[in-house]
């Protein structure tokens, strides 16, 4: 099989390379994810090439997010809570907020060139293939690679960046327009957290290359971030370096330590109460149960109170925590958040403004949707802290 990669010439410049592989023509367009010039270039290349298929660096979830910027307006928050997806919702809101902030300053939304590729292909009747890995799999695999302390470090960095309002200089804006910003961000993450680079960059290069290789058609236009072009080109040009898509799509298994803590800690607490009863009698068991209710429910209720939750939400947090900490199928935070969403459902204008409000600390108490998230976070933290303290004290009494 003949494999002869070559750079394109002409108007595309260094942003486009052409690979002739096995009788197929692959035109790879490397873009900056925040660039009107990239969007224009993508449209021009597709119109010129009239390919059999267009591959774009998106998965289904991100494609829908870019296609429907108003999707949060139709969000069923209570259903999200029931499915225990509040943490995923929070991450999505952070990403949307970051995109809106940059888009407002640069005059073009991140991912505009990818959507331009989809629109141009649709207008010309050309099939579109979403060739990136599911972003949820990527995030889960990246999170799994980090140690507990590195997770804490990354979480702290994300919270800090959320409320930063650093002014962008003209040089900053010029740099953002002229490069693949997402890949630059991933590179910086890779330097600070080396375990992430393999998942965020290397694995995705292999995944993208394999999806491109399996795309039907003799003429294919591929639209990806400029930072992925080198890795994709190297893998496509190499006949033997093939990625295992099934392996790259596997969700990482839960940590044995997490499994043990989820059920071992409740079992240990029940064992401590049993030992207290055997050594000190039935009355001591009653005292231990009351202590456990107060120790776990009290901090959970305090967390809800700090979030300025509805009075019935406070009561829900207090009642739920002693049970949810012993049967960790659902957390106290989810139960309290569901109660808050029922009692104080977000208004339409609050849902519309949530991606902007999330960057303002005071808005977390003002915006009802953000307050539901705040109830979830603070109640979960309170219940966890109370469970640790209560469990330690019960063990001290038992032994």
Protein backbone atom coordinates (compact mmCIF):
# COMPACT_ATOMS: atom_id res chain seq x y z
CA UNK A 1 0.00 0.00 0.00
CA UNK A 2 1.40 3.39 -1.00
CA UNK A 3 1.57 5.91 1.81
CA UNK A 4 3.06 9.26 0.90
CA UNK A 5 2.15 12.22 3.11
CA UNK A 6 2.75 15.65 1.63
CA UNK A 7 2.05 19.24 2.60
CA UNK A 8 -0.46 21.23 0.63
CA UNK A 9 0.52 24.50 -1.01
CA UNK A 10 -1.27 27.67 -1.94
CA UNK A 11 -3.82 29.58 0.09
CA UNK A 12 -4.06 26.96 2.78
CA UNK A 13 -0.42 27.42 3.71
CA UNK A 14 0.75 25.43 6.71
CA UNK A 15 -2.81 25.01 8.02
CA UNK A 16 -3.64 22.23 5.54
CA UNK A 17 -1.78 19.04 4.73
CA UNK A 18 -2.70 16.35 2.23
CA UNK A 19 -2.05 12.65 2.72
CA UNK A 20 -2.27 10.24 -0.20
CA UNK A 21 -2.71 6.83 1.43
CA UNK A 22 -3.75 3.67 -0.38
CA UNK A 23 -5.48 5.57 -3.16
CA UNK A 24 -7.32 7.84 -0.72
CA UNK A 25 -6.91 11.60 -0.46
CA UNK A 26 -7.07 12.88 3.14
CA UNK A 27 -7.09 16.67 3.46
CA UNK A 28 -6.36 17.58 7.09
CA UNK A 29 -7.23 21.13 8.13
CA UNK A 30 -5.54 22.23 11.35
CA UNK A 31 -7.53 24.99 13.04
CA UNK A 32 -7.47 27.34 15.99
CA UNK A 33 -10.61 26.68 18.01
CA UNK A 34 -11.22 30.42 18.51
CA UNK A 35 -10.62 31.92 15.09
CA UNK A 36 -12.84 33.43 12.42
CA UNK A 37 -10.02 32.85 9.91
CA UNK A 38 -10.09 29.12 10.68
CA UNK A 39 -13.85 28.97 10.17
CA UNK A 40 -13.50 30.71 6.80
CA UNK A 41 -10.64 28.38 5.79
CA UNK A 42 -12.63 25.27 6.68
CA UNK A 43 -15.59 26.35 4.57
CA UNK A 44 -13.34 27.20 1.62
CA UNK A 45 -11.47 23.87 1.73
CA UNK A 46 -14.69 21.82 1.83
CA UNK A 47 -16.21 23.79 -1.05
CA UNK A 48 -13.01 23.38 -3.09
CA UNK A 49 -12.44 19.69 -2.38
CA UNK A 50 -16.10 18.53 -2.50
CA UNK A 51 -15.09 15.40 -0.52
CA UNK A 52 -17.03 12.18 -0.07
CA UNK A 53 -17.11 12.77 3.69
CA UNK A 54 -16.12 15.36 6.31
CA UNK A 55 -14.60 14.29 9.65
CA UNK A 56 -14.70 16.78 12.50
CA UNK A 57 -13.07 16.69 15.93
CA UNK A 58 -16.29 16.45 17.94
CA UNK A 59 -18.21 13.76 19.76
CA UNK A 60 -22.01 13.62 19.89
CA UNK A 61 -22.30 15.41 23.25
CA UNK A 62 -20.05 18.33 22.26
CA UNK A 63 -21.71 18.59 18.85
CA UNK A 64 -25.13 18.95 20.47
CA UNK A 65 -23.72 21.46 22.96
CA UNK A 66 -22.40 23.65 20.14
CA UNK A 67 -25.53 23.16 18.04
CA UNK A 68 -27.87 24.10 20.88
CA UNK A 69 -26.35 26.90 22.97
CA UNK A 70 -29.76 27.40 24.64
CA UNK A 71 -30.08 23.74 25.68
CA UNK A 72 -29.99 24.56 29.40
CA UNK A 73 -33.39 26.27 29.01
CA UNK A 74 -35.02 22.87 28.41
CA UNK A 75 -33.00 21.14 31.14
CA UNK A 76 -34.97 18.96 33.54
CA UNK A 77 -32.91 19.66 36.66
CA UNK A 78 -34.77 17.18 38.83
CA UNK A 79 -34.11 14.40 36.33
CA UNK A 80 -30.41 15.32 36.31
CA UNK A 81 -30.38 14.99 40.11
CA UNK A 82 -32.20 11.65 40.03
CA UNK A 83 -29.55 10.31 37.66
CA UNK A 84 -26.81 11.62 39.95
CA UNK A 85 -25.34 13.78 37.19
CA UNK A 86 -24.96 17.06 39.07
CA UNK A 87 -21.17 16.85 39.01
CA UNK A 88 -21.26 16.37 35.22
CA UNK A 89 -23.65 19.32 34.91
CA UNK A 90 -21.27 21.48 36.94
CA UNK A 91 -18.33 20.61 34.67
CA UNK A 92 -20.44 21.40 31.58
CA UNK A 93 -21.44 24.75 33.04
CA UNK A 94 -17.80 25.60 33.75
CA UNK A 95 -16.83 24.78 30.16
CA UNK A 96 -19.75 26.77 28.71
CA UNK A 97 -18.91 29.73 30.95
CA UNK A 98 -15.28 29.66 29.81
CA UNK A 99 -16.38 29.51 26.17
CA UNK A 100 -18.81 32.42 26.58
CA UNK A 101 -16.15 34.53 28.25
CA UNK A 102 -13.61 33.97 25.49
CA UNK A 103 -16.22 34.23 22.76
CA UNK A 104 -17.37 37.60 24.07
CA UNK A 105 -13.83 38.98 24.04
CA UNK A 106 -12.76 37.51 20.72
CA UNK A 107 -15.97 38.00 18.76
CA UNK A 108 -16.20 34.31 17.80
CA UNK A 109 -17.31 31.33 19.84
CA UNK A 110 -14.90 28.43 20.49
CA UNK A 111 -15.62 25.59 18.06
CA UNK A 112 -17.05 27.92 15.40
CA UNK A 113 -14.83 26.35 12.74
CA UNK A 114 -16.08 22.86 13.61
CA UNK A 115 -19.69 23.96 13.27
CA UNK A 116 -18.80 25.77 10.04
CA UNK A 117 -17.49 22.46 8.69
CA UNK A 118 -20.77 20.76 9.62
CA UNK A 119 -22.88 23.55 8.07
CA UNK A 120 -20.90 23.66 4.82
CA UNK A 121 -21.02 19.88 4.48
CA UNK A 122 -24.78 19.89 5.10
CA UNK A 123 -25.33 22.59 2.49
CA UNK A 124 -23.38 20.54 -0.07
CA UNK A 125 -25.06 17.25 0.89
CA UNK A 126 -21.81 15.74 2.19
CA UNK A 127 -21.98 13.23 5.10
CA UNK A 128 -20.40 14.32 8.39
CA UNK A 129 -18.62 11.94 10.77
CA UNK A 130 -18.02 12.92 14.41
CA UNK A 131 -14.63 11.30 14.93
CA UNK A 132 -13.67 12.28 18.49
CA UNK A 133 -14.06 10.11 21.57
CA UNK A 134 -16.98 10.71 23.93
CA UNK A 135 -15.88 13.58 26.15
CA UNK A 136 -17.28 11.82 29.22
CA UNK A 137 -14.99 8.85 28.59
CA UNK A 138 -12.01 11.17 28.14
CA UNK A 139 -12.74 13.03 31.37
CA UNK A 140 -13.34 9.84 33.34
CA UNK A 141 -10.12 8.27 32.08
CA UNK A 142 -8.19 11.47 32.83
CA UNK A 143 -9.63 11.71 36.35
CA UNK A 144 -8.84 8.05 36.98
CA UNK A 145 -5.17 8.62 36.16
CA UNK A 146 -4.73 11.19 38.95
CA UNK A 147 -3.82 10.38 42.52
CA UNK A 148 -6.05 11.65 45.33
CA UNK A 149 -3.79 14.63 46.08
CA UNK A 150 -3.43 15.52 42.40
CA UNK A 151 -7.24 15.43 42.11
CA UNK A 152 -7.43 17.89 45.00
CA UNK A 153 -4.78 20.07 43.37
CA UNK A 154 -6.59 20.07 40.04
CA UNK A 155 -9.93 20.81 41.71
CA UNK A 156 -8.41 23.76 43.54
CA UNK A 157 -6.92 25.09 40.31
CA UNK A 158 -10.30 24.84 38.56
CA UNK A 159 -12.09 26.67 41.37
CA UNK A 160 -9.44 29.38 41.36
CA UNK A 161 -9.66 29.83 37.59
CA UNK A 162 -13.45 30.00 37.79
CA UNK A 163 -13.41 33.28 39.70
CA UNK A 164 -10.33 34.78 38.07
CA UNK A 165 -11.06 37.81 35.93
CA UNK A 166 -7.68 38.49 34.39
CA UNK A 167 -7.85 41.08 31.65
CA UNK A 168 -6.62 39.88 28.28
CA UNK A 169 -4.07 42.07 26.55
CA UNK A 170 -3.93 42.59 22.81
CA UNK A 171 -1.00 40.16 22.67
CA UNK A 172 -3.11 37.58 24.51
CA UNK A 173 -5.98 38.04 22.08
CA UNK A 174 -3.65 37.77 19.08
CA UNK A 175 -2.17 34.55 20.48
CA UNK A 176 -5.61 33.07 21.17
CA UNK A 177 -6.75 33.78 17.61
CA UNK A 178 -3.65 32.31 16.01
CA UNK A 179 -3.40 28.88 17.61
CA UNK A 180 -5.30 25.84 18.76
CA UNK A 181 -6.23 27.12 22.22
CA UNK A 182 -7.72 23.86 23.48
CA UNK A 183 -4.54 21.97 22.65
CA UNK A 184 -2.45 24.73 24.26
CA UNK A 185 -4.54 24.36 27.39
CA UNK A 186 -4.11 20.59 27.29
CA UNK A 187 -0.35 21.00 26.85
CA UNK A 188 -0.22 23.22 29.93
CA UNK A 189 -2.26 20.66 31.86
CA UNK A 190 0.10 17.96 30.62
CA UNK A 191 3.09 19.86 32.02
CA UNK A 192 1.42 20.41 35.38
CA UNK A 193 -0.24 16.97 35.46
CA UNK A 194 1.82 14.58 33.28
CA UNK A 195 -0.65 11.73 33.84
CA UNK A 196 -3.28 13.71 31.94
CA UNK A 197 -1.27 14.16 28.74
CA UNK A 198 -1.52 10.50 27.75
CA UNK A 199 -5.34 10.66 27.96
CA UNK A 200 -6.04 14.17 26.69
CA UNK A 201 -3.53 14.25 23.84
CA UNK A 202 -1.85 10.92 22.99
CA UNK A 203 -4.92 8.68 23.33
CA UNK A 204 -7.10 11.09 21.38
CA UNK A 205 -4.53 11.38 18.58
CA UNK A 206 -4.68 7.61 18.18
CA UNK A 207 -8.47 7.53 18.46
CA UNK A 208 -8.95 10.32 15.91
CA UNK A 209 -6.50 8.70 13.49
CA UNK A 210 -8.28 5.35 13.67
CA UNK A 211 -11.71 6.90 13.16
CA UNK A 212 -10.39 8.86 10.17
CA UNK A 213 -8.83 5.71 8.74
CA UNK A 214 -12.19 3.88 8.95
CA UNK A 215 -14.22 6.75 7.45
CA UNK A 216 -15.75 5.75 4.08
CA UNK A 217 -14.84 7.61 0.90
CA UNK A 218 -11.83 8.15 -1.31
CA UNK A 219 -11.71 11.91 -0.66
CA UNK A 220 -12.08 13.00 2.97
CA UNK A 221 -11.66 16.40 4.60
CA UNK A 222 -10.63 16.24 8.25
CA UNK A 223 -11.09 19.25 10.55
CA UNK A 224 -9.14 19.07 13.83
CA UNK A 225 -7.30 21.35 16.21
CA UNK A 226 -3.86 22.29 14.92
CA UNK A 227 -2.20 20.63 17.88
CA UNK A 228 -3.53 17.22 16.80
CA UNK A 229 -2.33 17.38 13.19
CA UNK A 230 1.21 16.14 13.88
CA UNK A 231 0.11 13.14 15.95
CA UNK A 232 -2.68 12.18 13.54
CA UNK A 233 -0.44 12.50 10.49
CA UNK A 234 2.27 10.36 12.07
CA UNK A 235 -0.22 7.61 12.95
CA UNK A 236 -1.93 7.63 9.56
CA UNK A 237 1.41 7.54 7.76
CA UNK A 238 2.58 4.60 9.87
CA UNK A 239 1.10 1.32 8.74
CA UNK A 240 1.67 -0.53 12.02
CA UNK A 241 0.70 1.94 14.74
CA UNK A 242 -3.02 1.13 15.04
CA UNK A 243 -5.17 2.15 18.00
CA UNK A 244 -7.59 -0.24 19.70
CA UNK A 245 -10.83 1.78 19.76
CA UNK A 246 -12.61 -0.61 22.12
CA UNK A 247 -9.79 -0.30 24.66
CA UNK A 248 -9.75 3.50 24.35
CA UNK A 249 -13.51 3.67 24.91
CA UNK A 250 -13.47 1.61 28.10
CA UNK A 251 -14.54 3.36 31.26
CA UNK A 252 -11.94 2.90 34.01
CA UNK A 253 -13.04 0.53 36.77
CA UNK A 254 -13.81 1.98 40.21
CA UNK A 255 -10.82 2.05 42.51
CA UNK A 256 -10.74 -0.89 44.99
CA UNK A 257 -10.16 1.67 47.73
CA UNK A 258 -13.30 3.58 46.70
CA UNK A 259 -15.30 0.35 46.67
CA UNK A 260 -14.01 -0.56 50.12
CA UNK A 261 -14.78 2.88 51.53
CA UNK A 262 -18.26 2.92 49.99
CA UNK A 263 -19.34 -0.21 51.85
CA UNK A 264 -16.53 -0.93 54.30
CA UNK A 265 -16.95 2.32 56.23
CA UNK A 266 -20.73 1.86 56.80
CA UNK A 267 -20.13 -1.78 57.77
CA UNK A 268 -17.42 -0.70 60.23
CA UNK A 269 -19.71 1.89 61.81
CA UNK A 270 -22.48 -0.68 62.26
CA UNK A 271 -19.92 -3.05 63.76
CA UNK A 272 -18.83 -0.35 66.21
CA UNK A 273 -22.45 0.18 67.31
CA UNK A 274 -22.87 -3.58 67.75
CA UNK A 275 -19.74 -3.78 69.90
CA UNK A 276 -20.94 -0.87 72.01
CA UNK A 277 -24.22 -2.75 72.58
CA UNK A 278 -22.44 -5.97 73.52
CA UNK A 279 -20.14 -4.22 75.98
CA UNK A 280 -22.39 -1.55 77.44
CA UNK A 281 -25.97 -2.68 76.84
CA UNK A 282 -29.03 -1.67 74.84
CA UNK A 283 -29.19 1.84 76.30
CA UNK A 284 -25.71 2.56 74.96
CA UNK A 285 -26.88 1.47 71.51
CA UNK A 286 -29.68 4.03 71.62
CA UNK A 287 -27.23 6.72 72.68
CA UNK A 288 -24.90 5.75 69.83
CA UNK A 289 -27.69 5.94 67.28
CA UNK A 290 -28.73 9.39 68.51
CA UNK A 291 -25.09 10.50 68.41
CA UNK A 292 -24.71 9.20 64.84
CA UNK A 293 -27.85 11.05 63.69
CA UNK A 294 -26.60 14.31 65.19
CA UNK A 295 -22.99 13.84 64.03
CA UNK A 296 -23.86 13.11 60.40
CA UNK A 297 -27.09 15.07 60.02
CA UNK A 298 -25.97 18.22 61.81
CA UNK A 299 -23.07 19.17 59.50
CA UNK A 300 -25.17 18.25 56.47
CA UNK A 301 -27.90 20.63 57.62
CA UNK A 302 -25.29 23.32 58.33
CA UNK A 303 -24.03 22.97 54.76
CA UNK A 304 -27.55 23.49 53.44
CA UNK A 305 -27.98 26.48 55.76
CA UNK A 306 -24.77 28.09 54.45
CA UNK A 307 -26.24 27.71 50.96
CA UNK A 308 -29.35 29.55 52.23
CA UNK A 309 -31.52 26.60 51.26
CA UNK A 310 -35.26 26.37 51.90
CA UNK A 311 -36.12 25.43 55.54
CA UNK A 312 -37.58 22.12 54.37
CA UNK A 313 -34.33 21.44 52.48
CA UNK A 314 -32.44 21.91 55.76
CA UNK A 315 -34.70 19.33 57.39
CA UNK A 316 -34.25 16.99 54.41
CA UNK A 317 -30.46 17.28 54.65
CA UNK A 318 -30.55 16.49 58.37
CA UNK A 319 -32.80 13.44 57.94
CA UNK A 320 -31.09 12.09 54.81
CA UNK A 321 -27.46 12.21 55.93
CA UNK A 322 -27.56 9.47 58.62
CA UNK A 323 -29.08 7.03 56.10
CA UNK A 324 -27.20 7.97 52.93
CA UNK A 325 -23.83 7.77 54.66
CA UNK A 326 -24.62 4.20 55.69
CA UNK A 327 -26.11 3.16 52.31
CA UNK A 328 -24.05 5.05 49.72
CA UNK A 329 -26.26 4.38 46.71
CA UNK A 330 -27.11 8.08 46.67
CA UNK A 331 -25.56 10.93 48.62
CA UNK A 332 -27.15 13.36 51.03
CA UNK A 333 -26.20 16.15 48.63
CA UNK A 334 -28.35 14.67 45.86
CA UNK A 335 -31.34 14.26 48.18
CA UNK A 336 -31.03 17.82 49.49
CA UNK A 337 -30.52 19.22 45.97
CA UNK A 338 -33.64 17.41 44.75
CA UNK A 339 -35.65 18.89 47.63
CA UNK A 340 -34.31 22.38 46.86
CA UNK A 341 -35.16 21.99 43.14
CA UNK A 342 -38.73 21.00 44.05
CA UNK A 343 -39.19 23.79 46.58
CA UNK A 344 -37.36 26.57 44.71
CA UNK A 345 -37.29 25.63 41.00
CA UNK A 346 -35.05 27.85 38.86
CA UNK A 347 -36.71 30.56 36.79
CA UNK A 348 -36.22 30.66 33.02
CA UNK A 349 -34.10 33.81 33.09
CA UNK A 350 -31.85 32.24 35.75
CA UNK A 351 -31.26 29.19 33.56
CA UNK A 352 -30.45 31.46 30.61
CA UNK A 353 -27.91 33.44 32.62
CA UNK A 354 -26.36 30.53 34.53
CA UNK A 355 -23.25 30.30 32.32
CA UNK A 356 -22.52 33.96 33.05
CA UNK A 357 -23.59 33.99 36.70
CA UNK A 358 -21.40 31.00 37.57
CA UNK A 359 -18.31 33.26 37.48
CA UNK A 360 -19.73 35.57 40.17
CA UNK A 361 -19.42 34.24 43.77
CA UNK A 362 -22.49 36.17 44.97
CA UNK A 363 -24.60 34.79 42.11
CA UNK A 364 -24.32 31.27 43.54
CA UNK A 365 -26.71 32.40 46.28
CA UNK A 366 -28.83 34.61 43.99
CA UNK A 367 -29.38 32.31 41.00
CA UNK A 368 -31.71 29.45 41.97
CA UNK A 369 -30.08 26.96 39.63
CA UNK A 370 -26.64 27.69 41.03
CA UNK A 371 -28.05 27.53 44.55
CA UNK A 372 -29.20 23.96 43.87
CA UNK A 373 -25.61 23.13 42.91
CA UNK A 374 -24.37 24.95 46.01
CA UNK A 375 -26.75 22.93 48.19
CA UNK A 376 -25.42 19.75 46.58
CA UNK A 377 -21.76 20.69 47.17
CA UNK A 378 -22.02 22.04 50.72
CA UNK A 379 -24.44 19.37 51.94
CA UNK A 380 -22.22 16.63 50.54
CA UNK A 381 -19.16 18.12 52.23
CA UNK A 382 -21.04 18.49 55.52
CA UNK A 383 -22.36 14.93 55.46
CA UNK A 384 -18.89 13.55 54.66
CA UNK A 385 -17.23 15.54 57.44
CA UNK A 386 -19.91 14.51 59.92
CA UNK A 387 -19.60 10.85 58.92
CA UNK A 388 -15.84 10.90 59.44
CA UNK A 389 -16.14 12.55 62.84
CA UNK A 390 -19.05 10.35 63.94
CA UNK A 391 -17.40 7.16 62.77
CA UNK A 392 -14.14 8.01 64.55
CA UNK A 393 -15.97 8.76 67.80
CA UNK A 394 -18.02 5.55 67.65
CA UNK A 395 -14.85 3.52 67.14
CA UNK A 396 -13.26 5.27 70.07
CA UNK A 397 -16.22 4.33 72.26
CA UNK A 398 -16.27 0.75 70.99
CA UNK A 399 -12.59 0.06 71.57
